[in-house]
Amino acid sequence: MKMVETLNTTEDIKHVLLHACCAPCSSAIVEWMLANDVRPTIYYYNPNIFPLEEYEIRKNESKRHAESLGLEWIDDDWRHDEWLACVAGLEGEPERGSRCARCFELRLTAAARKAVELGINWFTTTLASSRWKRLDQIENAGHAAEIAVPGARFWARNWRKGGLQERRNQLLKEYGFYNQLYCGCEFSMRKDDN
């Protein structure tokens, strides 16, 4: 399913809370935003990432990237037990299945709450930059978060388009980012990785 663009222009979005899953995925998006006069506040909330060491590596890379650009960066802590409770019963689901949809909704609802708390009208996510994720699940999760959190508006955008995927790969090398090999949750790891 093709993600519907909420806006064709950024003229009414000047500040956005960007839920970031990792530095590689956010780098080209942040660059595009800054070039289009949109100021992102980076929000790192990823309780799905496992193990804790992996979480810390990704978190530190995201923070390093934001700091290098002088951007506000917010860590909303790991809280992996809450995430496990959220996806309980869906552990055996395949990638792109209902476990992922529930995970996206949890994370984007947290992002919507944080945006409202900070007085930022719009929120979006780097999850929509990954070719390994279903755009319809991300869009549905973002719109569910809008409903759950009055005052929050989801900027549904396909961040794969416009050369951003290629630019992501260039920035990954330029910054020397750690590049993970799985989405982050223990259920997405290949059996032989354990």
C-alpha atoms as a PDB file:
ATOM      1  CA  MET A   1       0.000   0.000   0.000  1.00  0.00           C
ATOM      2  CA  LYS A   2       1.257   3.457  -0.857  1.00  0.00           C
ATOM      3  CA  MET A   3       1.478   5.878   2.038  1.00  0.00           C
ATOM      4  CA  VAL A   4      -0.682   8.942   1.488  1.00  0.00           C
ATOM      5  CA  GLU A   5       1.090  12.260   1.854  1.00  0.00           C
ATOM      6  CA  THR A   6      -0.667  14.409   4.439  1.00  0.00           C
ATOM      7  CA  LEU A   7       0.874  17.525   2.914  1.00  0.00           C
ATOM      8  CA  ASN A   8       2.261  18.417  -0.466  1.00  0.00           C
ATOM      9  CA  THR A   9       4.148  21.332   1.057  1.00  0.00           C
ATOM     10  CA  THR A  10       5.812  22.022   4.377  1.00  0.00           C
ATOM     11  CA  GLU A  11       4.537  25.610   4.569  1.00  0.00           C
ATOM     12  CA  ASP A  12       2.391  24.914   7.631  1.00  0.00           C
ATOM     13  CA  ILE A  13       4.933  22.617   9.330  1.00  0.00           C
ATOM     14  CA  LYS A  14       7.846  24.494  10.836  1.00  0.00           C
ATOM     15  CA  HIS A  15       8.506  22.304  13.869  1.00  0.00           C
ATOM     16  CA  VAL A  16       7.964  18.558  14.117  1.00  0.00           C
ATOM     17  CA  LEU A  17       8.651  15.837  16.648  1.00  0.00           C
ATOM     18  CA  LEU A  18      10.553  13.187  14.726  1.00  0.00           C
ATOM     19  CA  HIS A  19      10.336   9.724  16.254  1.00  0.00           C
ATOM     20  CA  ALA A  20      13.735   8.261  15.341  1.00  0.00           C
ATOM     21  CA  CYS A  21      14.451   4.549  15.337  1.00  0.00           C
ATOM     22  CA  CYS A  22      18.168   5.022  14.638  1.00  0.00           C
ATOM     23  CA  ALA A  23      20.706   7.517  13.295  1.00  0.00           C
ATOM     24  CA  PRO A  24      21.076   5.944   9.823  1.00  0.00           C
ATOM     25  CA  CYS A  25      17.314   6.100   9.185  1.00  0.00           C
ATOM     26  CA  SER A  26      16.923   9.635  10.525  1.00  0.00           C
ATOM     27  CA  SER A  27      19.983  11.228   8.882  1.00  0.00           C
ATOM     28  CA  ALA A  28      18.602  11.919   5.390  1.00  0.00           C
ATOM     29  CA  ILE A  29      15.172  12.823   6.773  1.00  0.00           C
ATOM     30  CA  VAL A  30      16.670  15.375   9.159  1.00  0.00           C
ATOM     31  CA  GLU A  31      18.818  16.784   6.361  1.00  0.00           C
ATOM     32  CA  TRP A  32      15.730  17.121   4.128  1.00  0.00           C
ATOM     33  CA  MET A  33      13.728  18.760   6.919  1.00  0.00           C
ATOM     34  CA  LEU A  34      16.415  21.323   7.672  1.00  0.00           C
ATOM     35  CA  ALA A  35      16.770  22.129   3.947  1.00  0.00           C
ATOM     36  CA  ASN A  36      12.987  22.706   3.835  1.00  0.00           C
ATOM     37  CA  ASP A  37      12.824  24.959   6.918  1.00  0.00           C
ATOM     38  CA  VAL A  38      11.348  22.304   9.184  1.00  0.00           C
ATOM     39  CA  ARG A  39      12.987  22.078  12.606  1.00  0.00           C
ATOM     40  CA  PRO A  40      12.860  18.543  14.013  1.00  0.00           C
ATOM     41  CA  THR A  41      13.062  17.648  17.674  1.00  0.00           C
ATOM     42  CA  ILE A  42      14.448  14.122  17.738  1.00  0.00           C
ATOM     43  CA  TYR A  43      12.499  11.735  19.961  1.00  0.00           C
ATOM     44  CA  TYR A  44      14.160   8.419  20.731  1.00  0.00           C
ATOM     45  CA  TYR A  45      11.604   5.951  22.077  1.00  0.00           C
ATOM     46  CA  ASN A  46      12.358   2.379  21.071  1.00  0.00           C
ATOM     47  CA  PRO A  47      11.561  -0.088  23.879  1.00  0.00           C
ATOM     48  CA  ASN A  48      11.455  -2.862  21.281  1.00  0.00           C
ATOM     49  CA  ILE A  49      15.225  -2.890  20.787  1.00  0.00           C
ATOM     50  CA  PHE A  50      16.961  -5.889  22.323  1.00  0.00           C
ATOM     51  CA  PRO A  51      19.337  -6.560  23.984  1.00  0.00           C
ATOM     52  CA  LEU A  52      20.078  -3.495  26.129  1.00  0.00           C
ATOM     53  CA  GLU A  53      23.562  -3.209  24.621  1.00  0.00           C
ATOM     54  CA  GLU A  54      22.029  -2.869  21.143  1.00  0.00           C
ATOM     55  CA  TYR A  55      19.622  -0.258  22.460  1.00  0.00           C
ATOM     56  CA  GLU A  56      22.478   1.758  23.964  1.00  0.00           C
ATOM     57  CA  ILE A  57      24.535   1.669  20.752  1.00  0.00           C
ATOM     58  CA  ARG A  58      21.615   2.884  18.633  1.00  0.00           C
ATOM     59  CA  LYS A  59      20.650   5.493  21.233  1.00  0.00           C
ATOM     60  CA  ASN A  60      24.168   6.913  21.414  1.00  0.00           C
ATOM     61  CA  GLU A  61      24.442   7.103  17.625  1.00  0.00           C
ATOM     62  CA  SER A  62      21.114   8.946  17.417  1.00  0.00           C
ATOM     63  CA  LYS A  63      22.197  11.384  20.119  1.00  0.00           C
ATOM     64  CA  ARG A  64      25.587  11.948  18.450  1.00  0.00           C
ATOM     65  CA  HIS A  65      23.866  12.735  15.158  1.00  0.00           C
ATOM     66  CA  ALA A  66      21.399  15.202  16.718  1.00  0.00           C
ATOM     67  CA  GLU A  67      24.118  16.940  18.722  1.00  0.00           C
ATOM     68  CA  SER A  68      26.313  17.308  15.627  1.00  0.00           C
ATOM     69  CA  LEU A  69      23.472  19.340  14.078  1.00  0.00           C
ATOM     70  CA  GLY A  70      22.558  21.285  17.209  1.00  0.00           C
ATOM     71  CA  LEU A  71      19.133  19.654  17.433  1.00  0.00           C
ATOM     72  CA  GLU A  72      17.163  18.914  20.559  1.00  0.00           C
ATOM     73  CA  TRP A  73      17.262  15.182  21.311  1.00  0.00           C
ATOM     74  CA  ILE A  74      14.965  13.415  23.802  1.00  0.00           C
ATOM     75  CA  ASP A  75      15.480   9.923  25.224  1.00  0.00           C
ATOM     76  CA  ASP A  76      12.303   8.352  26.576  1.00  0.00           C
ATOM     77  CA  ASP A  77      14.082   5.388  28.173  1.00  0.00           C
ATOM     78  CA  TRP A  78      14.051   1.696  27.343  1.00  0.00           C
ATOM     79  CA  ARG A  79      11.049   0.210  29.237  1.00  0.00           C
ATOM     80  CA  HIS A  80      11.419  -3.117  27.436  1.00  0.00           C
ATOM     81  CA  ASP A  81       9.070  -4.924  29.857  1.00  0.00           C
ATOM     82  CA  GLU A  82       6.218  -2.603  28.814  1.00  0.00           C
ATOM     83  CA  TRP A  83       6.922  -3.375  25.175  1.00  0.00           C
ATOM     84  CA  LEU A  84       6.949  -7.133  25.847  1.00  0.00           C
ATOM     85  CA  ALA A  85       3.556  -6.822  27.566  1.00  0.00           C
ATOM     86  CA  CYS A  86       2.243  -4.837  24.578  1.00  0.00           C
ATOM     87  CA  VAL A  87       3.182  -7.539  22.055  1.00  0.00           C
ATOM     88  CA  ALA A  88       2.410 -10.530  24.288  1.00  0.00           C
ATOM     89  CA  GLY A  89       0.861 -13.345  22.258  1.00  0.00           C
ATOM     90  CA  LEU A  90       2.350 -12.049  19.010  1.00  0.00           C
ATOM     91  CA  GLU A  91       5.906 -13.299  19.500  1.00  0.00           C
ATOM     92  CA  GLY A  92       5.595 -15.850  16.680  1.00  0.00           C
ATOM     93  CA  GLU A  93       4.241 -13.380  14.131  1.00  0.00           C
ATOM     94  CA  PRO A  94       6.394 -12.834  11.049  1.00  0.00           C
ATOM     95  CA  GLU A  95       8.091  -9.536  10.299  1.00  0.00           C
ATOM     96  CA  ARG A  96       5.505  -7.082   8.934  1.00  0.00           C
ATOM     97  CA  GLY A  97       2.786  -8.948  10.823  1.00  0.00           C
ATOM     98  CA  SER A  98       0.486  -7.857  13.635  1.00  0.00           C
ATOM     99  CA  ARG A  99       3.327  -7.670  16.193  1.00  0.00           C
ATOM    100  CA  CYS A 100       4.917  -4.891  14.137  1.00  0.00           C
ATOM    101  CA  ALA A 101       1.606  -3.034  13.830  1.00  0.00           C
ATOM    102  CA  ARG A 102       1.144  -3.111  17.602  1.00  0.00           C
ATOM    103  CA  CYS A 103       4.762  -2.039  18.163  1.00  0.00           C
ATOM    104  CA  PHE A 104       4.339   0.934  15.809  1.00  0.00           C
ATOM    105  CA  GLU A 105       1.149   2.014  17.543  1.00  0.00           C
ATOM    106  CA  LEU A 106       2.813   1.918  20.974  1.00  0.00           C
ATOM    107  CA  ARG A 107       5.787   3.971  19.813  1.00  0.00           C
ATOM    108  CA  LEU A 108       3.818   6.492  17.765  1.00  0.00           C
ATOM    109  CA  THR A 109       1.276   7.038  20.542  1.00  0.00           C
ATOM    110  CA  ALA A 110       4.181   7.842  22.855  1.00  0.00           C
ATOM    111  CA  ALA A 111       5.524  10.239  20.212  1.00  0.00           C
ATOM    112  CA  ALA A 112       2.117  11.925  19.900  1.00  0.00           C
ATOM    113  CA  ARG A 113       1.956  12.376  23.686  1.00  0.00           C
ATOM    114  CA  LYS A 114       5.453  13.835  23.772  1.00  0.00           C
ATOM    115  CA  ALA A 115       4.659  16.231  20.922  1.00  0.00           C
ATOM    116  CA  VAL A 116       1.574  17.547  22.732  1.00  0.00           C
ATOM    117  CA  GLU A 117       3.515  17.780  26.005  1.00  0.00           C
ATOM    118  CA  LEU A 118       6.147  19.910  24.243  1.00  0.00           C
ATOM    119  CA  GLY A 119       3.607  22.044  22.401  1.00  0.00           C
ATOM    120  CA  ILE A 120       4.602  20.671  18.989  1.00  0.00           C
ATOM    121  CA  ASN A 121       1.607  20.202  16.684  1.00  0.00           C
ATOM    122  CA  TRP A 122       3.093  17.638  14.289  1.00  0.00           C
ATOM    123  CA  PHE A 123       4.852  14.302  14.725  1.00  0.00           C
ATOM    124  CA  THR A 124       6.262  11.847  12.209  1.00  0.00           C
ATOM    125  CA  THR A 125       8.554   8.826  12.224  1.00  0.00           C
ATOM    126  CA  THR A 126      11.660   7.488  10.557  1.00  0.00           C
ATOM    127  CA  LEU A 127       9.993   4.069  10.484  1.00  0.00           C
ATOM    128  CA  ALA A 128       8.505   5.141   7.139  1.00  0.00           C
ATOM    129  CA  SER A 129      12.020   5.235   5.665  1.00  0.00           C
ATOM    130  CA  SER A 130      12.650   1.506   6.013  1.00  0.00           C
ATOM    131  CA  ARG A 131      11.937  -0.728   3.072  1.00  0.00           C
ATOM    132  CA  TRP A 132      11.540  -3.550   5.599  1.00  0.00           C
ATOM    133  CA  LYS A 133       8.434  -1.945   7.130  1.00  0.00           C
ATOM    134  CA  ARG A 134       4.877  -1.803   5.792  1.00  0.00           C
ATOM    135  CA  LEU A 135       3.876   1.784   5.142  1.00  0.00           C
ATOM    136  CA  ASP A 136       0.189   1.063   5.687  1.00  0.00           C
ATOM    137  CA  GLN A 137       0.929  -0.239   9.199  1.00  0.00           C
ATOM    138  CA  ILE A 138       2.931   2.884  10.006  1.00  0.00           C
ATOM    139  CA  GLU A 139       0.269   5.201   8.641  1.00  0.00           C
ATOM    140  CA  ASN A 140      -2.500   3.361  10.520  1.00  0.00           C
ATOM    141  CA  ALA A 141      -0.458   3.526  13.745  1.00  0.00           C
ATOM    142  CA  GLY A 142       0.144   7.251  13.280  1.00  0.00           C
ATOM    143  CA  HIS A 143      -3.528   7.964  12.713  1.00  0.00           C
ATOM    144  CA  ALA A 144      -4.494   5.787  15.707  1.00  0.00           C
ATOM    145  CA  ALA A 145      -2.073   7.877  17.778  1.00  0.00           C
ATOM    146  CA  GLU A 146      -3.772  11.078  16.539  1.00  0.00           C
ATOM    147  CA  ILE A 147      -7.102   9.736  17.783  1.00  0.00           C
ATOM    148  CA  ALA A 148      -5.644   8.599  21.115  1.00  0.00           C
ATOM    149  CA  VAL A 149      -3.890  11.919  21.765  1.00  0.00           C
ATOM    150  CA  PRO A 150      -6.050  14.964  21.077  1.00  0.00           C
ATOM    151  CA  GLY A 151      -4.074  17.853  19.612  1.00  0.00           C
ATOM    152  CA  ALA A 152      -1.439  15.694  17.924  1.00  0.00           C
ATOM    153  CA  ARG A 153      -1.259  15.602  14.135  1.00  0.00           C
ATOM    154  CA  PHE A 154       0.539  12.831  12.259  1.00  0.00           C
ATOM    155  CA  TRP A 155       2.614  13.843   9.246  1.00  0.00           C
ATOM    156  CA  ALA A 156       2.180  10.741   7.082  1.00  0.00           C
ATOM    157  CA  ARG A 157       5.047  10.773   4.657  1.00  0.00           C
ATOM    158  CA  ASN A 158       6.860   8.120   2.658  1.00  0.00           C
ATOM    159  CA  TRP A 159      10.455   8.955   3.589  1.00  0.00           C
ATOM    160  CA  ARG A 160      11.796   6.451   1.024  1.00  0.00           C
ATOM    161  CA  LYS A 161      11.069   8.731  -1.911  1.00  0.00           C
ATOM    162  CA  GLY A 162      12.968  11.599  -3.458  1.00  0.00           C
ATOM    163  CA  GLY A 163      16.418  10.048  -3.233  1.00  0.00           C
ATOM    164  CA  LEU A 164      16.328   9.867   0.555  1.00  0.00           C
ATOM    165  CA  GLN A 165      17.185   6.159   0.632  1.00  0.00           C
ATOM    166  CA  GLU A 166      20.320   6.745  -1.436  1.00  0.00           C
ATOM    167  CA  ARG A 167      21.237   9.794   0.658  1.00  0.00           C
ATOM    168  CA  ARG A 168      20.770   7.738   3.821  1.00  0.00           C
ATOM    169  CA  ASN A 169      23.395   5.293   2.584  1.00  0.00           C
ATOM    170  CA  GLN A 170      25.810   8.144   1.793  1.00  0.00           C
ATOM    171  CA  LEU A 171      25.338   9.741   5.219  1.00  0.00           C
ATOM    172  CA  LEU A 172      25.795   6.378   6.914  1.00  0.00           C
ATOM    173  CA  LYS A 173      29.311   6.295   5.463  1.00  0.00           C
ATOM    174  CA  GLU A 174      30.042   9.998   6.021  1.00  0.00           C
ATOM    175  CA  TYR A 175      29.144   9.819   9.718  1.00  0.00           C
ATOM    176  CA  GLY A 176      30.515   6.303  10.187  1.00  0.00           C
ATOM    177  CA  PHE A 177      27.239   5.260  11.810  1.00  0.00           C
ATOM    178  CA  TYR A 178      26.753   1.861  13.363  1.00  0.00           C
ATOM    179  CA  ASN A 179      24.371   0.077  10.969  1.00  0.00           C
ATOM    180  CA  GLN A 180      22.236  -2.595  12.587  1.00  0.00           C
ATOM    181  CA  LEU A 181      21.349  -5.812  10.809  1.00  0.00           C
ATOM    182  CA  TYR A 182      17.835  -6.370  12.226  1.00  0.00           C
ATOM    183  CA  CYS A 183      14.866  -4.214  13.196  1.00  0.00           C
ATOM    184  CA  GLY A 184      15.720  -4.373  16.856  1.00  0.00           C
ATOM    185  CA  CYS A 185      13.344  -6.727  18.621  1.00  0.00           C
ATOM    186  CA  GLU A 186      14.401 -10.179  19.705  1.00  0.00           C
ATOM    187  CA  PHE A 187      11.628 -11.720  17.642  1.00  0.00           C
ATOM    188  CA  SER A 188      13.024 -10.237  14.431  1.00  0.00           C
ATOM    189  CA  MET A 189      16.471 -11.768  14.907  1.00  0.00           C
ATOM    190  CA  ARG A 190      17.287 -14.769  12.739  1.00  0.00           C
ATOM    191  CA  LYS A 191      17.422 -18.062  14.644  1.00  0.00           C
ATOM    192  CA  ASP A 192      21.116 -18.474  13.874  1.00  0.00           C
ATOM    193  CA  ASP A 193      21.873 -15.005  15.316  1.00  0.00           C
ATOM    194  CA  ASN A 194      20.994 -16.102  18.843  1.00  0.00           C
END
